[in-house]
Each structure stands twice: as C-alpha cells, then as structure tokens.
PDB file of N, CA and C in Angstrom:
ATOM      1  N   MET A   1     -70.049  61.484  27.530  1.00  0.00           N
ATOM      2  CA  MET A   1     -69.328  62.259  26.560  1.00  0.00           C
ATOM      3  C   MET A   1     -69.942  63.642  26.461  1.00  0.00           C
ATOM      4  N   HIS A   2     -69.088  64.574  26.239  1.00  0.00           N
ATOM      5  CA  HIS A   2     -69.531  65.957  26.123  1.00  0.00           C
ATOM      6  C   HIS A   2     -69.496  66.362  24.660  1.00  0.00           C
ATOM      7  N   THR A   3     -70.601  66.882  24.142  1.00  0.00           N
ATOM      8  CA  THR A   3     -70.641  67.325  22.755  1.00  0.00           C
ATOM      9  C   THR A   3     -70.755  68.841  22.721  1.00  0.00           C
ATOM     10  N   THR A   4     -70.235  69.395  21.666  1.00  0.00           N
ATOM     11  CA  THR A   4     -70.313  70.848  21.517  1.00  0.00           C
ATOM     12  C   THR A   4     -71.290  71.181  20.418  1.00  0.00           C
ATOM     13  N   ASN A   5     -71.801  72.394  20.473  1.00  0.00           N
ATOM     14  CA  ASN A   5     -72.758  72.852  19.466  1.00  0.00           C
ATOM     15  C   ASN A   5     -72.068  73.582  18.318  1.00  0.00           C
ATOM     16  N   THR A   6     -70.749  73.594  18.308  1.00  0.00           N
ATOM     17  CA  THR A   6     -70.008  74.314  17.274  1.00  0.00           C
ATOM     18  C   THR A   6     -69.982  73.484  16.004  1.00  0.00           C
ATOM     19  N   SER A   7     -70.426  74.075  14.922  1.00  0.00           N
ATOM     20  CA  SER A   7     -70.374  73.359  13.653  1.00  0.00           C
ATOM     21  C   SER A   7     -69.000  73.563  13.016  1.00  0.00           C
ATOM     22  N   LEU A   8     -68.728  72.836  11.988  1.00  0.00           N
ATOM     23  CA  LEU A   8     -67.443  72.908  11.301  1.00  0.00           C
ATOM     24  C   LEU A   8     -67.211  74.293  10.711  1.00  0.00           C
ATOM     25  N   GLY A   9     -68.217  74.925  10.160  1.00  0.00           N
ATOM     26  CA  GLY A   9     -68.083  76.255   9.576  1.00  0.00           C
ATOM     27  C   GLY A   9     -67.743  77.305  10.616  1.00  0.00           C
ATOM     28  N   GLN A  10     -68.354  77.228  11.803  1.00  0.00           N
ATOM     29  CA  GLN A  10     -68.062  78.187  12.865  1.00  0.00           C
ATOM     30  C   GLN A  10     -66.644  77.998  13.377  1.00  0.00           C
ATOM     31  N   ARG A  11     -66.197  76.776  13.486  1.00  0.00           N
ATOM     32  CA  ARG A  11     -64.847  76.508  13.968  1.00  0.00           C
ATOM     33  C   ARG A  11     -63.822  77.059  12.973  1.00  0.00           C
ATOM     34  N   ASP A  12     -64.063  76.869  11.676  1.00  0.00           N
ATOM     35  CA  ASP A  12     -63.158  77.417  10.665  1.00  0.00           C
ATOM     36  C   ASP A  12     -63.138  78.932  10.714  1.00  0.00           C
ATOM     37  N   CYS A  13     -64.286  79.530  10.962  1.00  0.00           N
ATOM     38  CA  CYS A  13     -64.360  80.982  11.046  1.00  0.00           C
ATOM     39  C   CYS A  13     -63.566  81.483  12.247  1.00  0.00           C
ATOM     40  N   ILE A  14     -63.666  80.781  13.366  1.00  0.00           N
ATOM     41  CA  ILE A  14     -62.930  81.168  14.575  1.00  0.00           C
ATOM     42  C   ILE A  14     -61.431  80.993  14.353  1.00  0.00           C
ATOM     43  N   LEU A  15     -61.022  79.891  13.734  1.00  0.00           N
ATOM     44  CA  LEU A  15     -59.598  79.650  13.487  1.00  0.00           C
ATOM     45  C   LEU A  15     -59.033  80.638  12.477  1.00  0.00           C
ATOM     46  N   SER A  16     -59.834  81.043  11.508  1.00  0.00           N
ATOM     47  CA  SER A  16     -59.322  81.951  10.488  1.00  0.00           C
ATOM     48  C   SER A  16     -59.070  83.344  11.048  1.00  0.00           C
ATOM     49  N   GLN A  17     -59.651  83.663  12.195  1.00  0.00           N
ATOM     50  CA  GLN A  17     -59.394  84.967  12.801  1.00  0.00           C
ATOM     51  C   GLN A  17     -57.958  85.073  13.302  1.00  0.00           C
ATOM     52  N   PHE A  18     -57.327  83.967  13.601  1.00  0.00           N
ATOM     53  CA  PHE A  18     -55.974  83.979  14.147  1.00  0.00           C
ATOM     54  C   PHE A  18     -54.906  83.778  13.079  1.00  0.00           C
ATOM     55  N   GLN A  19     -55.305  83.572  11.856  1.00  0.00           N
ATOM     56  CA  GLN A  19     -54.354  83.397  10.776  1.00  0.00           C
ATOM     57  C   GLN A  19     -54.206  84.718  10.030  1.00  0.00           C
ATOM     58  N   PRO A  20     -52.993  85.016   9.542  1.00  0.00           N
ATOM     59  CA  PRO A  20     -52.802  86.274   8.804  1.00  0.00           C
ATOM     60  C   PRO A  20     -53.616  86.267   7.515  1.00  0.00           C
ATOM     61  N   GLN A  21     -54.185  87.386   7.203  1.00  0.00           N
ATOM     62  CA  GLN A  21     -55.000  87.519   6.003  1.00  0.00           C
ATOM     63  C   GLN A  21     -54.208  88.265   4.932  1.00  0.00           C
ATOM     64  N   VAL A  22     -54.340  87.846   3.708  1.00  0.00           N
ATOM     65  CA  VAL A  22     -53.685  88.493   2.581  1.00  0.00           C
ATOM     66  C   VAL A  22     -54.744  89.280   1.830  1.00  0.00           C
ATOM     67  N   VAL A  23     -54.501  90.582   1.691  1.00  0.00           N
ATOM     68  CA  VAL A  23     -55.450  91.435   0.987  1.00  0.00           C
ATOM     69  C   VAL A  23     -54.954  91.612  -0.438  1.00  0.00           C
ATOM     70  N   VAL A  24     -55.774  91.239  -1.377  1.00  0.00           N
ATOM     71  CA  VAL A  24     -55.418  91.361  -2.786  1.00  0.00           C
ATOM     72  C   VAL A  24     -56.203  92.540  -3.357  1.00  0.00           C
ATOM     73  N   MET A  25     -55.454  93.503  -3.936  1.00  0.00           N
ATOM     74  CA  MET A  25     -56.091  94.714  -4.457  1.00  0.00           C
ATOM     75  C   MET A  25     -56.385  94.604  -5.949  1.00  0.00           C
ATOM     76  N   GLY A  26     -56.422  93.450  -6.455  1.00  0.00           N
ATOM     77  CA  GLY A  26     -56.649  93.262  -7.886  1.00  0.00           C
ATOM     78  C   GLY A  26     -55.617  92.301  -8.417  1.00  0.00           C
ATOM     79  N   SER A  27     -55.768  91.931  -9.645  1.00  0.00           N
ATOM     80  CA  SER A  27     -54.857  90.932 -10.192  1.00  0.00           C
ATOM     81  C   SER A  27     -53.475  91.517 -10.474  1.00  0.00           C
ATOM     82  N   ARG A  28     -53.401  92.802 -10.879  1.00  0.00           N
ATOM     83  CA  ARG A  28     -52.111  93.373 -11.247  1.00  0.00           C
ATOM     84  C   ARG A  28     -51.612  94.382 -10.232  1.00  0.00           C
ATOM     85  N   GLY A  29     -52.458  94.932  -9.410  1.00  0.00           N
ATOM     86  CA  GLY A  29     -52.038  95.926  -8.444  1.00  0.00           C
ATOM     87  C   GLY A  29     -51.763  97.255  -9.117  1.00  0.00           C
ATOM     88  N   VAL A  30     -51.185  98.169  -8.369  1.00  0.00           N
ATOM     89  CA  VAL A  30     -50.882  99.486  -8.909  1.00  0.00           C
ATOM     90  C   VAL A  30     -49.747  99.395  -9.919  1.00  0.00           C
ATOM     91  N   ILE A  31     -48.667  98.717  -9.539  1.00  0.00           N
ATOM     92  CA  ILE A  31     -47.535  98.486 -10.432  1.00  0.00           C
ATOM     93  C   ILE A  31     -47.390  96.980 -10.571  1.00  0.00           C
ATOM     94  N   SER A  32     -47.256  96.509 -11.770  1.00  0.00           N
ATOM     95  CA  SER A  32     -47.150  95.065 -11.960  1.00  0.00           C
ATOM     96  C   SER A  32     -45.851  94.552 -11.354  1.00  0.00           C
ATOM     97  N   ASP A  33     -45.838  93.271 -11.048  1.00  0.00           N
ATOM     98  CA  ASP A  33     -44.666  92.664 -10.417  1.00  0.00           C
ATOM     99  C   ASP A  33     -43.431  92.776 -11.299  1.00  0.00           C
ATOM    100  N   LYS A  34     -43.613  92.686 -12.604  1.00  0.00           N
ATOM    101  CA  LYS A  34     -42.480  92.764 -13.522  1.00  0.00           C
ATOM    102  C   LYS A  34     -41.790  94.127 -13.405  1.00  0.00           C
ATOM    103  N   TRP A  35     -42.565  95.190 -13.364  1.00  0.00           N
ATOM    104  CA  TRP A  35     -41.982  96.520 -13.289  1.00  0.00           C
ATOM    105  C   TRP A  35     -41.398  96.798 -11.914  1.00  0.00           C
ATOM    106  N   SER A  36     -42.025  96.268 -10.862  1.00  0.00           N
ATOM    107  CA  SER A  36     -41.453  96.497  -9.534  1.00  0.00           C
ATOM    108  C   SER A  36     -40.117  95.783  -9.396  1.00  0.00           C
ATOM    109  N   MET A  37     -39.989  94.604  -9.974  1.00  0.00           N
ATOM    110  CA  MET A  37     -38.700  93.913  -9.948  1.00  0.00           C
ATOM    111  C   MET A  37     -37.663  94.674 -10.761  1.00  0.00           C
ATOM    112  N   ARG A  38     -38.078  95.260 -11.863  1.00  0.00           N
ATOM    113  CA  ARG A  38     -37.140  96.053 -12.671  1.00  0.00           C
ATOM    114  C   ARG A  38     -36.659  97.272 -11.888  1.00  0.00           C
ATOM    115  N   VAL A  39     -37.560  97.901 -11.173  1.00  0.00           N
ATOM    116  CA  VAL A  39     -37.176  99.065 -10.361  1.00  0.00           C
ATOM    117  C   VAL A  39     -36.218  98.643  -9.258  1.00  0.00           C
ATOM    118  N   LEU A  40     -36.486  97.504  -8.612  1.00  0.00           N
ATOM    119  CA  LEU A  40     -35.584  97.025  -7.566  1.00  0.00           C
ATOM    120  C   LEU A  40     -34.202  96.711  -8.122  1.00  0.00           C
ATOM    121  N   TRP A  41     -34.141  96.047  -9.281  1.00  0.00           N
ATOM    122  CA  TRP A  41     -32.849  95.750  -9.897  1.00  0.00           C
ATOM    123  C   TRP A  41     -32.122  97.039 -10.282  1.00  0.00           C
ATOM    124  N   LEU A  42     -32.865  98.018 -10.781  1.00  0.00           N
ATOM    125  CA  LEU A  42     -32.251  99.289 -11.145  1.00  0.00           C
ATOM    126  C   LEU A  42     -31.658  99.972  -9.919  1.00  0.00           C
ATOM    127  N   CYS A  43     -32.375  99.930  -8.808  1.00  0.00           N
ATOM    128  CA  CYS A  43     -31.844 100.518  -7.567  1.00  0.00           C
ATOM    129  C   CYS A  43     -30.599  99.771  -7.093  1.00  0.00           C
ATOM    130  N   ALA A  44     -30.625  98.447  -7.185  1.00  0.00           N
ATOM    131  CA  ALA A  44     -29.469  97.655  -6.756  1.00  0.00           C
ATOM    132  C   ALA A  44     -28.255  97.942  -7.635  1.00  0.00           C
ATOM    133  N   ILE A  45     -28.467  98.030  -8.935  1.00  0.00           N
ATOM    134  CA  ILE A  45     -27.349  98.315  -9.856  1.00  0.00           C
ATOM    135  C   ILE A  45     -26.829  99.727  -9.617  1.00  0.00           C
ATOM    136  N   GLY A  46     -27.734 100.683  -9.412  1.00  0.00           N
ATOM    137  CA  GLY A  46     -27.310 102.058  -9.122  1.00  0.00           C
ATOM    138  C   GLY A  46     -26.518 102.148  -7.840  1.00  0.00           C
ATOM    139  N   SER A  47     -26.924 101.393  -6.821  1.00  0.00           N
ATOM    140  CA  SER A  47     -26.174 101.385  -5.560  1.00  0.00           C
ATOM    141  C   SER A  47     -24.783 100.802  -5.762  1.00  0.00           C
ATOM    142  N   GLY A  48     -24.685  99.746  -6.545  1.00  0.00           N
ATOM    143  CA  GLY A  48     -23.382  99.150  -6.831  1.00  0.00           C
ATOM    144  C   GLY A  48     -22.469 100.101  -7.572  1.00  0.00           C
ATOM    145  N   ILE A  49     -23.027 100.804  -8.551  1.00  0.00           N
ATOM    146  CA  ILE A  49     -22.225 101.770  -9.307  1.00  0.00           C
ATOM    147  C   ILE A  49     -21.756 102.901  -8.412  1.00  0.00           C
ATOM    148  N   SER A  50     -22.640 103.397  -7.555  1.00  0.00           N
ATOM    149  CA  SER A  50     -22.236 104.503  -6.676  1.00  0.00           C
ATOM    150  C   SER A  50     -21.177 104.055  -5.673  1.00  0.00           C
ATOM    151  N   LEU A  51     -21.278 102.833  -5.144  1.00  0.00           N
ATOM    152  CA  LEU A  51     -20.239 102.326  -4.248  1.00  0.00           C
ATOM    153  C   LEU A  51     -18.904 102.193  -4.972  1.00  0.00           C
ATOM    154  N   TYR A  52     -18.929 101.755  -6.225  1.00  0.00           N
ATOM    155  CA  TYR A  52     -17.706 101.651  -7.016  1.00  0.00           C
ATOM    156  C   TYR A  52     -17.089 103.032  -7.216  1.00  0.00           C
ATOM    157  N   MET A  53     -17.918 104.021  -7.526  1.00  0.00           N
ATOM    158  CA  MET A  53     -17.398 105.372  -7.746  1.00  0.00           C
ATOM    159  C   MET A  53     -16.794 105.953  -6.471  1.00  0.00           C
ATOM    160  N   VAL A  54     -17.402 105.687  -5.327  1.00  0.00           N
ATOM    161  CA  VAL A  54     -16.842 106.156  -4.051  1.00  0.00           C
ATOM    162  C   VAL A  54     -15.497 105.489  -3.799  1.00  0.00           C
ATOM    163  N   ALA A  55     -15.394 104.189  -4.085  1.00  0.00           N
ATOM    164  CA  ALA A  55     -14.135 103.479  -3.878  1.00  0.00           C
ATOM    165  C   ALA A  55     -13.035 104.033  -4.780  1.00  0.00           C
ATOM    166  N   VAL A  56     -13.352 104.306  -6.032  1.00  0.00           N
ATOM    167  CA  VAL A  56     -12.359 104.862  -6.963  1.00  0.00           C
ATOM    168  C   VAL A  56     -11.926 106.250  -6.494  1.00  0.00           C
ATOM    169  N   ASP A  57     -12.870 107.055  -6.035  1.00  0.00           N
ATOM    170  CA  ASP A  57     -12.543 108.404  -5.555  1.00  0.00           C
ATOM    171  C   ASP A  57     -11.622 108.339  -4.340  1.00  0.00           C
ATOM    172  N   ARG A  58     -11.903 107.430  -3.429  1.00  0.00           N
ATOM    173  CA  ARG A  58     -11.042 107.299  -2.242  1.00  0.00           C
ATOM    174  C   ARG A  58      -9.653 106.814  -2.616  1.00  0.00           C
ATOM    175  N   GLN A  59      -9.570 105.897  -3.584  1.00  0.00           N
ATOM    176  CA  GLN A  59      -8.256 105.433  -4.032  1.00  0.00           C
ATOM    177  C   GLN A  59      -7.457 106.574  -4.639  1.00  0.00           C
ATOM    178  N   MET A  60      -8.108 107.414  -5.438  1.00  0.00           N
ATOM    179  CA  MET A  60      -7.396 108.550  -6.035  1.00  0.00           C
ATOM    180  C   MET A  60      -6.911 109.517  -4.963  1.00  0.00           C
ATOM    181  N   LYS A  61      -7.745 109.804  -3.966  1.00  0.00           N
ATOM    182  CA  LYS A  61      -7.337 110.713  -2.891  1.00  0.00           C
ATOM    183  C   LYS A  61      -6.193 110.120  -2.077  1.00  0.00           C
ATOM    184  N   ASN A  62      -6.258 108.820  -1.791  1.00  0.00           N
ATOM    185  CA  ASN A  62      -5.166 108.179  -1.039  1.00  0.00           C
ATOM    186  C   ASN A  62      -3.870 108.188  -1.845  1.00  0.00           C
ATOM    187  N   ARG A  63      -3.974 107.958  -3.161  1.00  0.00           N
ATOM    188  CA  ARG A  63      -2.785 107.981  -4.007  1.00  0.00           C
ATOM    189  C   ARG A  63      -2.177 109.378  -4.036  1.00  0.00           C
ATOM    190  N   ASP A  64      -3.023 110.404  -4.165  1.00  0.00           N
ATOM    191  CA  ASP A  64      -2.529 111.786  -4.153  1.00  0.00           C
ATOM    192  C   ASP A  64      -1.883 112.129  -2.815  1.00  0.00           C
ATOM    193  N   ARG A  65      -2.485 111.674  -1.726  1.00  0.00           N
ATOM    194  CA  ARG A  65      -1.940 111.946  -0.393  1.00  0.00           C
ATOM    195  C   ARG A  65      -0.581 111.262  -0.226  1.00  0.00           C
ATOM    196  N   MET A  66      -0.471 110.011  -0.702  1.00  0.00           N
ATOM    197  CA  MET A  66       0.805 109.302  -0.579  1.00  0.00           C
ATOM    198  C   MET A  66       1.889 109.973  -1.417  1.00  0.00           C
ATOM    199  N   LEU A  67       1.552 110.439  -2.627  1.00  0.00           N
ATOM    200  CA  LEU A  67       2.532 111.143  -3.457  1.00  0.00           C
ATOM    201  C   LEU A  67       2.973 112.444  -2.802  1.00  0.00           C
ATOM    202  N   ALA A  68       2.023 113.175  -2.217  1.00  0.00           N
ATOM    203  CA  ALA A  68       2.375 114.427  -1.546  1.00  0.00           C
ATOM    204  C   ALA A  68       3.278 114.159  -0.348  1.00  0.00           C
ATOM    205  N   GLU A  69       2.985 113.105   0.417  1.00  0.00           N
ATOM    206  CA  GLU A  69       3.841 112.778   1.564  1.00  0.00           C
ATOM    207  C   GLU A  69       5.234 112.363   1.114  1.00  0.00           C
ATOM    208  N   SER A  70       5.331 111.593   0.034  1.00  0.00           N
ATOM    209  CA  SER A  70       6.652 111.172  -0.432  1.00  0.00           C
ATOM    210  C   SER A  70       7.443 112.374  -0.980  1.00  0.00           C
ATOM    211  N   LEU A  71       6.762 113.320  -1.630  1.00  0.00           N
ATOM    212  CA  LEU A  71       7.445 114.533  -2.092  1.00  0.00           C
ATOM    213  C   LEU A  71       7.942 115.369  -0.917  1.00  0.00           C
ATOM    214  N   ARG A  72       7.114 115.495   0.130  1.00  0.00           N
ATOM    215  CA  ARG A  72       7.545 116.244   1.320  1.00  0.00           C
ATOM    216  C   ARG A  72       8.727 115.566   1.998  1.00  0.00           C
ATOM    217  N   ALA A  73       8.690 114.233   2.043  1.00  0.00           N
ATOM    218  CA  ALA A  73       9.797 113.500   2.656  1.00  0.00           C
ATOM    219  C   ALA A  73      11.071 113.669   1.827  1.00  0.00           C
ATOM    220  N   ALA A  74      10.934 113.642   0.504  1.00  0.00           N
ATOM    221  CA  ALA A  74      12.104 113.826  -0.361  1.00  0.00           C
ATOM    222  C   ALA A  74      12.655 115.238  -0.228  1.00  0.00           C
ATOM    223  N   GLU A  75      11.775 116.235  -0.133  1.00  0.00           N
ATOM    224  CA  GLU A  75      12.232 117.610   0.045  1.00  0.00           C
ATOM    225  C   GLU A  75      12.908 117.802   1.403  1.00  0.00           C
ATOM    226  N   ALA A  76      12.384 117.125   2.434  1.00  0.00           N
ATOM    227  CA  ALA A  76      12.974 117.234   3.769  1.00  0.00           C
ATOM    228  C   ALA A  76      14.372 116.599   3.770  1.00  0.00           C
ATOM    229  N   GLU A  77      14.531 115.504   3.094  1.00  0.00           N
ATOM    230  CA  GLU A  77      15.852 114.878   3.004  1.00  0.00           C
ATOM    231  C   GLU A  77      16.808 115.746   2.205  1.00  0.00           C
ATOM    232  N   GLY A  78      16.301 116.333   1.147  1.00  0.00           N
ATOM    233  CA  GLY A  78      17.150 117.202   0.308  1.00  0.00           C
ATOM    234  C   GLY A  78      17.575 118.435   1.052  1.00  0.00           C
ATOM    235  N   SER A  79      16.680 119.063   1.808  1.00  0.00           N
ATOM    236  CA  SER A  79      17.042 120.271   2.547  1.00  0.00           C
ATOM    237  C   SER A  79      17.930 119.933   3.732  1.00  0.00           C
ATOM    238  N   GLY A  80      17.813 118.745   4.279  1.00  0.00           N
ATOM    239  CA  GLY A  80      18.660 118.344   5.411  1.00  0.00           C
ATOM    240  C   GLY A  80      20.085 118.105   4.982  1.00  0.00           C
ATOM    241  N   GLU A  81      20.295 117.626   3.764  1.00  0.00           N
ATOM    242  CA  GLU A  81      21.648 117.376   3.270  1.00  0.00           C
ATOM    243  C   GLU A  81      22.368 118.689   2.916  1.00  0.00           C
ATOM    244  N   ASP A  82      21.621 119.678   2.457  1.00  0.00           N
ATOM    245  CA  ASP A  82      22.248 120.950   2.059  1.00  0.00           C
ATOM    246  C   ASP A  82      22.715 121.750   3.272  1.00  0.00           C
ATOM    247  N   VAL A  83      22.132 121.527   4.424  1.00  0.00           N
ATOM    248  CA  VAL A  83      22.475 122.349   5.595  1.00  0.00           C
ATOM    249  C   VAL A  83      23.692 121.831   6.268  1.00  0.00           C
TER     250      VAL A  83
END
C-alpha cells in the first residue's frame, strides 16, 4: 500500500484554492441590502413608467397620423367629385 504524507489540513487547503472565495467587507457593507433593494425596485418602477409613457406617446402620434391621412383622403375625394 502506498501512503501519502499529506495531512487533512493540507488537503483542505489545497482543495479550497479551487473553490470560489466570498469576500465580506463587513456586516453591512457600503450600502445595506435593504437600501440596495429599494434602489433596484425604484429603477424597475421608473423603467416601467418610462416605457408606458413612450407607448402612450407613440399611440398619440399614430392616432394623429391616421386622422391626418383620413382628412387628406376625404379632401382628395371631395376635390375629385368637384372636377
């Protein structure tokens, strides 16, 4: 039988080199988790509101464009009948 001179502590040290390490900068960090989640939610809500506003603006422009086209079509029909 072949025995190794590696103790349990050395083997754990070698294995821990290949595992990802988590660096903790303190218990609360620079910004607490509660406030960072609030900031993320605020950004998400702001993005939703801005997308809604863009959609409403596009609907208004499309409605105005359709009304202008229908007025031009009505004027073209009216001028065609008079000639």
